[in-house]
């Protein structure tokens, strides 16, 4: 099992508009066996992280899952517990119109392993 994180993502509003209103997570199982994924989302309130997403699911070999999560917070973080190193995760912030937020894109190579 591996624990991965996006790290804390700053989503402070500028002129009343947040850069990202949703976060799209793409999960791919590049293994030849079924794999398990746990997604947990947190938002920051003061100095406390509060969990608001917890989703556990299985992926068949070669399967890709897309999940969309609410992200209208000043700061948020997503953590992923995966059953194999062959599970690949990326995350993409989207504005209210559904456009990708360049500053909030986390490709697979940028998802950090928690030690």
N, C-alpha and C. Protein backbone atom coordinates (compact mmCIF):
# COMPACT_ATOMS: atom_id res chain seq x y z
N UNK A 1 0.85 -1.17 0.00
CA UNK A 1 0.00 0.00 0.00
C UNK A 1 0.90 1.24 0.00
N UNK A 2 0.47 2.23 -0.74
CA UNK A 2 1.21 3.49 -0.79
C UNK A 2 0.23 4.62 -0.52
N UNK A 3 0.70 5.64 0.20
CA UNK A 3 -0.09 6.84 0.46
C UNK A 3 0.52 7.98 -0.35
N UNK A 4 -0.31 8.57 -1.21
CA UNK A 4 0.12 9.66 -2.08
C UNK A 4 -0.68 10.91 -1.72
N UNK A 5 -0.12 12.09 -1.99
CA UNK A 5 -0.82 13.33 -1.70
C UNK A 5 -0.57 14.39 -2.76
N UNK A 6 -1.56 15.25 -2.94
CA UNK A 6 -1.38 16.40 -3.81
C UNK A 6 -0.59 17.49 -3.10
N UNK A 7 -0.52 17.39 -1.79
CA UNK A 7 -0.01 18.49 -0.98
C UNK A 7 -1.13 19.52 -0.88
N UNK A 8 -0.94 20.49 -0.02
CA UNK A 8 -1.95 21.53 0.20
C UNK A 8 -1.99 22.46 -1.02
N UNK A 9 -3.18 22.64 -1.58
CA UNK A 9 -3.37 23.46 -2.77
C UNK A 9 -4.02 24.77 -2.36
N UNK A 10 -3.36 25.88 -2.63
CA UNK A 10 -3.90 27.22 -2.33
C UNK A 10 -4.95 27.57 -3.37
N UNK A 11 -6.14 27.91 -2.91
CA UNK A 11 -7.26 28.21 -3.81
C UNK A 11 -7.96 29.49 -3.36
N UNK A 12 -7.16 30.44 -2.88
CA UNK A 12 -7.69 31.70 -2.36
C UNK A 12 -8.38 32.49 -3.48
N UNK A 13 -9.54 33.03 -3.16
CA UNK A 13 -10.31 33.81 -4.14
C UNK A 13 -9.58 35.09 -4.51
N UNK A 14 -9.65 35.45 -5.79
CA UNK A 14 -9.12 36.71 -6.30
C UNK A 14 -10.30 37.47 -6.87
N UNK A 15 -10.56 38.66 -6.35
CA UNK A 15 -11.73 39.45 -6.74
C UNK A 15 -13.02 38.65 -6.60
N UNK A 16 -13.07 37.83 -5.53
CA UNK A 16 -14.27 37.05 -5.24
C UNK A 16 -14.42 35.76 -6.02
N UNK A 17 -13.43 35.41 -6.85
CA UNK A 17 -13.53 34.19 -7.67
C UNK A 17 -12.35 33.28 -7.35
N UNK A 18 -12.64 32.04 -7.03
CA UNK A 18 -11.58 31.07 -6.76
C UNK A 18 -11.04 30.50 -8.08
N UNK A 19 -9.75 30.22 -8.14
CA UNK A 19 -9.19 29.64 -9.35
C UNK A 19 -9.88 28.32 -9.74
N UNK A 20 -10.13 27.45 -8.74
CA UNK A 20 -10.77 26.16 -9.01
C UNK A 20 -12.04 26.01 -8.18
N UNK A 21 -13.11 25.59 -8.84
CA UNK A 21 -14.34 25.29 -8.10
C UNK A 21 -14.54 23.78 -7.96
N UNK A 22 -13.89 23.00 -8.83
CA UNK A 22 -13.91 21.55 -8.71
C UNK A 22 -12.51 20.99 -8.97
N UNK A 23 -12.30 19.77 -8.50
CA UNK A 23 -11.06 19.05 -8.78
C UNK A 23 -11.45 17.73 -9.43
N UNK A 24 -10.92 17.48 -10.63
CA UNK A 24 -11.15 16.22 -11.32
C UNK A 24 -9.94 15.32 -11.08
N UNK A 25 -10.20 14.12 -10.59
CA UNK A 25 -9.15 13.15 -10.31
C UNK A 25 -9.28 12.01 -11.32
N UNK A 26 -8.18 11.70 -11.98
CA UNK A 26 -8.12 10.56 -12.91
C UNK A 26 -7.25 9.48 -12.29
N UNK A 27 -7.78 8.26 -12.23
CA UNK A 27 -7.07 7.14 -11.64
C UNK A 27 -7.01 6.03 -12.68
N UNK A 28 -5.81 5.54 -12.96
CA UNK A 28 -5.62 4.50 -13.97
C UNK A 28 -4.94 3.29 -13.33
N UNK A 29 -5.46 2.11 -13.62
CA UNK A 29 -4.85 0.88 -13.14
C UNK A 29 -4.03 0.28 -14.28
N UNK A 30 -2.72 0.45 -14.20
CA UNK A 30 -1.82 -0.07 -15.22
C UNK A 30 -1.29 -1.46 -14.88
N UNK A 31 -1.89 -2.09 -13.86
CA UNK A 31 -1.47 -3.42 -13.43
C UNK A 31 -2.31 -4.49 -14.12
N UNK A 32 -1.92 -5.75 -13.96
CA UNK A 32 -2.68 -6.86 -14.54
C UNK A 32 -3.63 -7.49 -13.53
N UNK A 33 -3.77 -6.86 -12.36
CA UNK A 33 -4.66 -7.37 -11.31
C UNK A 33 -5.61 -6.26 -10.87
N UNK A 34 -6.71 -6.64 -10.23
CA UNK A 34 -7.61 -5.64 -9.65
C UNK A 34 -6.87 -4.88 -8.56
N UNK A 35 -7.11 -3.59 -8.47
CA UNK A 35 -6.46 -2.76 -7.46
C UNK A 35 -7.51 -1.95 -6.71
N UNK A 36 -7.17 -1.55 -5.49
CA UNK A 36 -8.06 -0.78 -4.62
C UNK A 36 -7.51 0.63 -4.46
N UNK A 37 -8.42 1.61 -4.47
CA UNK A 37 -8.05 3.02 -4.33
C UNK A 37 -8.94 3.65 -3.26
N UNK A 38 -8.34 4.37 -2.34
CA UNK A 38 -9.06 5.17 -1.36
C UNK A 38 -8.71 6.62 -1.61
N UNK A 39 -9.72 7.45 -1.87
CA UNK A 39 -9.51 8.89 -2.07
C UNK A 39 -10.09 9.61 -0.87
N UNK A 40 -9.27 10.48 -0.28
CA UNK A 40 -9.71 11.31 0.84
C UNK A 40 -9.39 12.76 0.52
N UNK A 41 -10.39 13.62 0.67
CA UNK A 41 -10.21 15.04 0.41
C UNK A 41 -10.37 15.82 1.71
N UNK A 42 -9.54 16.84 1.87
CA UNK A 42 -9.54 17.66 3.08
C UNK A 42 -9.57 19.12 2.68
N UNK A 43 -10.24 19.94 3.47
CA UNK A 43 -10.09 21.38 3.32
C UNK A 43 -9.51 21.93 4.61
N UNK A 44 -8.87 23.07 4.51
CA UNK A 44 -8.22 23.67 5.66
C UNK A 44 -9.13 24.72 6.27
N UNK A 45 -9.32 24.62 7.58
CA UNK A 45 -10.08 25.61 8.35
C UNK A 45 -9.17 26.07 9.47
N UNK A 46 -8.61 27.26 9.32
CA UNK A 46 -7.60 27.72 10.29
C UNK A 46 -6.38 26.84 10.19
N UNK A 47 -6.03 26.18 11.29
CA UNK A 47 -4.87 25.29 11.29
C UNK A 47 -5.28 23.81 11.29
N UNK A 48 -6.56 23.55 10.98
CA UNK A 48 -7.09 22.19 11.02
C UNK A 48 -7.48 21.72 9.62
N UNK A 49 -7.13 20.46 9.31
CA UNK A 49 -7.60 19.84 8.07
C UNK A 49 -8.86 19.06 8.40
N UNK A 50 -9.91 19.28 7.62
CA UNK A 50 -11.20 18.62 7.84
C UNK A 50 -11.52 17.75 6.62
N UNK A 51 -11.77 16.47 6.86
CA UNK A 51 -12.08 15.55 5.77
C UNK A 51 -13.50 15.81 5.27
N UNK A 52 -13.66 15.90 3.95
CA UNK A 52 -14.98 16.07 3.37
C UNK A 52 -15.25 15.08 2.23
N UNK A 53 -14.23 14.32 1.84
CA UNK A 53 -14.38 13.27 0.82
C UNK A 53 -13.72 12.01 1.35
N UNK A 54 -14.42 10.90 1.22
CA UNK A 54 -13.83 9.59 1.49
C UNK A 54 -14.52 8.59 0.58
N UNK A 55 -13.77 8.08 -0.39
CA UNK A 55 -14.34 7.17 -1.38
C UNK A 55 -13.38 6.01 -1.62
N UNK A 56 -13.89 4.80 -1.46
CA UNK A 56 -13.11 3.58 -1.69
C UNK A 56 -13.72 2.85 -2.88
N UNK A 57 -12.87 2.45 -3.83
CA UNK A 57 -13.37 1.70 -4.98
C UNK A 57 -12.28 0.81 -5.55
N UNK A 58 -12.69 -0.13 -6.39
CA UNK A 58 -11.77 -1.06 -7.05
C UNK A 58 -11.68 -0.71 -8.53
N UNK A 59 -10.51 -0.97 -9.09
CA UNK A 59 -10.29 -0.79 -10.53
C UNK A 59 -9.82 -2.10 -11.13
N UNK A 60 -10.45 -2.50 -12.22
CA UNK A 60 -10.02 -3.68 -12.96
C UNK A 60 -8.74 -3.35 -13.74
N UNK A 61 -8.01 -4.37 -14.18
CA UNK A 61 -6.81 -4.11 -14.99
C UNK A 61 -7.14 -3.25 -16.21
N UNK A 62 -6.35 -2.22 -16.42
CA UNK A 62 -6.54 -1.33 -17.57
C UNK A 62 -7.67 -0.32 -17.42
N UNK A 63 -8.40 -0.37 -16.32
CA UNK A 63 -9.54 0.54 -16.13
C UNK A 63 -9.08 1.93 -15.69
N UNK A 64 -9.84 2.94 -16.12
CA UNK A 64 -9.59 4.33 -15.73
C UNK A 64 -10.87 4.86 -15.08
N UNK A 65 -10.72 5.54 -13.95
CA UNK A 65 -11.87 6.14 -13.26
C UNK A 65 -11.66 7.64 -13.20
N UNK A 66 -12.75 8.38 -13.36
CA UNK A 66 -12.72 9.83 -13.22
C UNK A 66 -13.69 10.21 -12.11
N UNK A 67 -13.22 11.04 -11.19
CA UNK A 67 -14.05 11.53 -10.10
C UNK A 67 -13.95 13.05 -10.08
N UNK A 68 -15.08 13.70 -9.77
CA UNK A 68 -15.12 15.16 -9.67
C UNK A 68 -15.52 15.55 -8.25
N UNK A 69 -14.77 16.45 -7.66
CA UNK A 69 -15.01 16.85 -6.28
C UNK A 69 -15.10 18.36 -6.14
N UNK A 70 -15.95 18.78 -5.25
CA UNK A 70 -16.13 20.19 -4.90
C UNK A 70 -14.81 20.71 -4.34
N UNK A 71 -14.43 21.94 -4.72
CA UNK A 71 -13.15 22.49 -4.27
C UNK A 71 -13.24 23.98 -3.93
N UNK A 72 -14.40 24.47 -3.55
CA UNK A 72 -14.57 25.89 -3.24
C UNK A 72 -14.08 26.21 -1.83
N UNK A 73 -12.79 26.00 -1.59
CA UNK A 73 -12.16 26.26 -0.30
C UNK A 73 -10.92 27.10 -0.52
N UNK A 74 -10.47 27.80 0.52
CA UNK A 74 -9.22 28.57 0.42
C UNK A 74 -8.02 27.67 0.19
N UNK A 75 -8.06 26.47 0.80
CA UNK A 75 -6.98 25.51 0.63
C UNK A 75 -7.56 24.11 0.79
N UNK A 76 -7.07 23.18 -0.02
CA UNK A 76 -7.53 21.80 0.07
C UNK A 76 -6.40 20.85 -0.31
N UNK A 77 -6.57 19.60 0.07
CA UNK A 77 -5.57 18.57 -0.21
C UNK A 77 -6.30 17.25 -0.45
N UNK A 78 -5.78 16.45 -1.37
CA UNK A 78 -6.31 15.11 -1.59
C UNK A 78 -5.22 14.10 -1.33
N UNK A 79 -5.61 13.02 -0.66
CA UNK A 79 -4.70 11.91 -0.38
C UNK A 79 -5.27 10.65 -1.00
N UNK A 80 -4.37 9.80 -1.49
CA UNK A 80 -4.75 8.59 -2.20
C UNK A 80 -3.99 7.41 -1.61
N UNK A 81 -4.73 6.42 -1.14
CA UNK A 81 -4.11 5.18 -0.70
C UNK A 81 -4.37 4.16 -1.80
N UNK A 82 -3.29 3.64 -2.37
CA UNK A 82 -3.40 2.71 -3.50
C UNK A 82 -2.74 1.39 -3.14
N UNK A 83 -3.27 0.31 -3.72
CA UNK A 83 -2.78 -1.02 -3.38
C UNK A 83 -1.60 -1.47 -4.23
N UNK A 84 -1.20 -0.65 -5.20
CA UNK A 84 -0.11 -1.03 -6.10
C UNK A 84 0.60 0.21 -6.64
N UNK A 85 1.86 0.03 -6.93
CA UNK A 85 2.63 1.11 -7.56
C UNK A 85 2.19 1.34 -9.00
N UNK A 86 1.36 0.45 -9.53
CA UNK A 86 0.90 0.56 -10.91
C UNK A 86 -0.40 1.34 -11.04
N UNK A 87 -0.89 1.89 -9.94
CA UNK A 87 -2.05 2.78 -9.98
C UNK A 87 -1.51 4.20 -10.17
N UNK A 88 -1.95 4.85 -11.24
CA UNK A 88 -1.45 6.18 -11.61
C UNK A 88 -2.55 7.20 -11.40
N UNK A 89 -2.18 8.31 -10.74
CA UNK A 89 -3.17 9.33 -10.39
C UNK A 89 -2.73 10.69 -10.89
N UNK A 90 -3.69 11.45 -11.42
CA UNK A 90 -3.46 12.85 -11.74
C UNK A 90 -4.70 13.62 -11.30
N UNK A 91 -4.53 14.91 -11.07
CA UNK A 91 -5.65 15.74 -10.61
C UNK A 91 -5.61 17.07 -11.35
N UNK A 92 -6.81 17.59 -11.66
CA UNK A 92 -6.92 18.79 -12.48
C UNK A 92 -7.98 19.71 -11.89
N UNK A 93 -7.58 20.92 -11.49
CA UNK A 93 -8.54 21.91 -11.04
C UNK A 93 -9.31 22.47 -12.23
N UNK A 94 -10.59 22.77 -11.99
CA UNK A 94 -11.42 23.38 -13.04
C UNK A 94 -12.16 24.57 -12.45
N UNK A 95 -12.27 25.62 -13.26
CA UNK A 95 -12.99 26.81 -12.80
C UNK A 95 -14.50 26.57 -12.92
N UNK A 96 -15.29 27.58 -12.56
CA UNK A 96 -16.75 27.45 -12.55
C UNK A 96 -17.32 27.12 -13.93
N UNK A 97 -16.61 27.50 -15.00
CA UNK A 97 -17.07 27.22 -16.36
C UNK A 97 -16.59 25.86 -16.87
N UNK A 98 -15.81 25.13 -16.04
CA UNK A 98 -15.32 23.82 -16.44
C UNK A 98 -13.99 23.84 -17.16
N UNK A 99 -13.35 25.01 -17.22
CA UNK A 99 -12.04 25.13 -17.87
C UNK A 99 -10.93 24.68 -16.91
N UNK A 100 -9.91 24.04 -17.46
CA UNK A 100 -8.78 23.62 -16.63
C UNK A 100 -8.08 24.81 -16.02
N UNK A 101 -7.69 24.67 -14.75
CA UNK A 101 -6.93 25.69 -14.03
C UNK A 101 -5.48 25.27 -14.06
N UNK A 102 -4.67 25.93 -14.86
CA UNK A 102 -3.28 25.53 -15.06
C UNK A 102 -2.52 25.42 -13.74
N UNK A 103 -2.74 26.35 -12.83
CA UNK A 103 -2.01 26.34 -11.56
C UNK A 103 -2.35 25.14 -10.69
N UNK A 104 -3.51 24.52 -10.93
CA UNK A 104 -3.95 23.40 -10.10
C UNK A 104 -3.98 22.09 -10.86
N UNK A 105 -2.96 21.83 -11.63
CA UNK A 105 -2.86 20.55 -12.31
C UNK A 105 -1.72 19.78 -11.66
N UNK A 106 -2.01 18.55 -11.30
CA UNK A 106 -1.02 17.70 -10.66
C UNK A 106 -0.95 16.42 -11.48
N UNK A 107 0.11 16.29 -12.26
CA UNK A 107 0.26 15.08 -13.08
C UNK A 107 0.87 13.98 -12.21
N UNK A 108 0.84 12.76 -12.71
CA UNK A 108 1.26 11.59 -11.92
C UNK A 108 2.64 11.77 -11.29
N UNK A 109 3.56 12.36 -11.99
CA UNK A 109 4.92 12.54 -11.48
C UNK A 109 4.99 13.55 -10.33
N UNK A 110 3.94 14.36 -10.17
CA UNK A 110 3.92 15.39 -9.13
C UNK A 110 3.15 15.00 -7.88
N UNK A 111 2.46 13.86 -7.92
CA UNK A 111 1.77 13.38 -6.73
C UNK A 111 2.84 12.82 -5.80
N UNK A 112 2.91 13.35 -4.58
CA UNK A 112 3.99 13.01 -3.65
C UNK A 112 3.69 11.77 -2.84
N UNK A 113 4.71 10.93 -2.65
CA UNK A 113 4.62 9.77 -1.79
C UNK A 113 4.80 10.24 -0.36
N UNK A 114 3.87 9.87 0.53
CA UNK A 114 3.99 10.22 1.94
C UNK A 114 4.84 9.16 2.61
N UNK A 115 5.87 9.57 3.28
CA UNK A 115 6.80 8.63 3.94
C UNK A 115 6.29 8.20 5.28
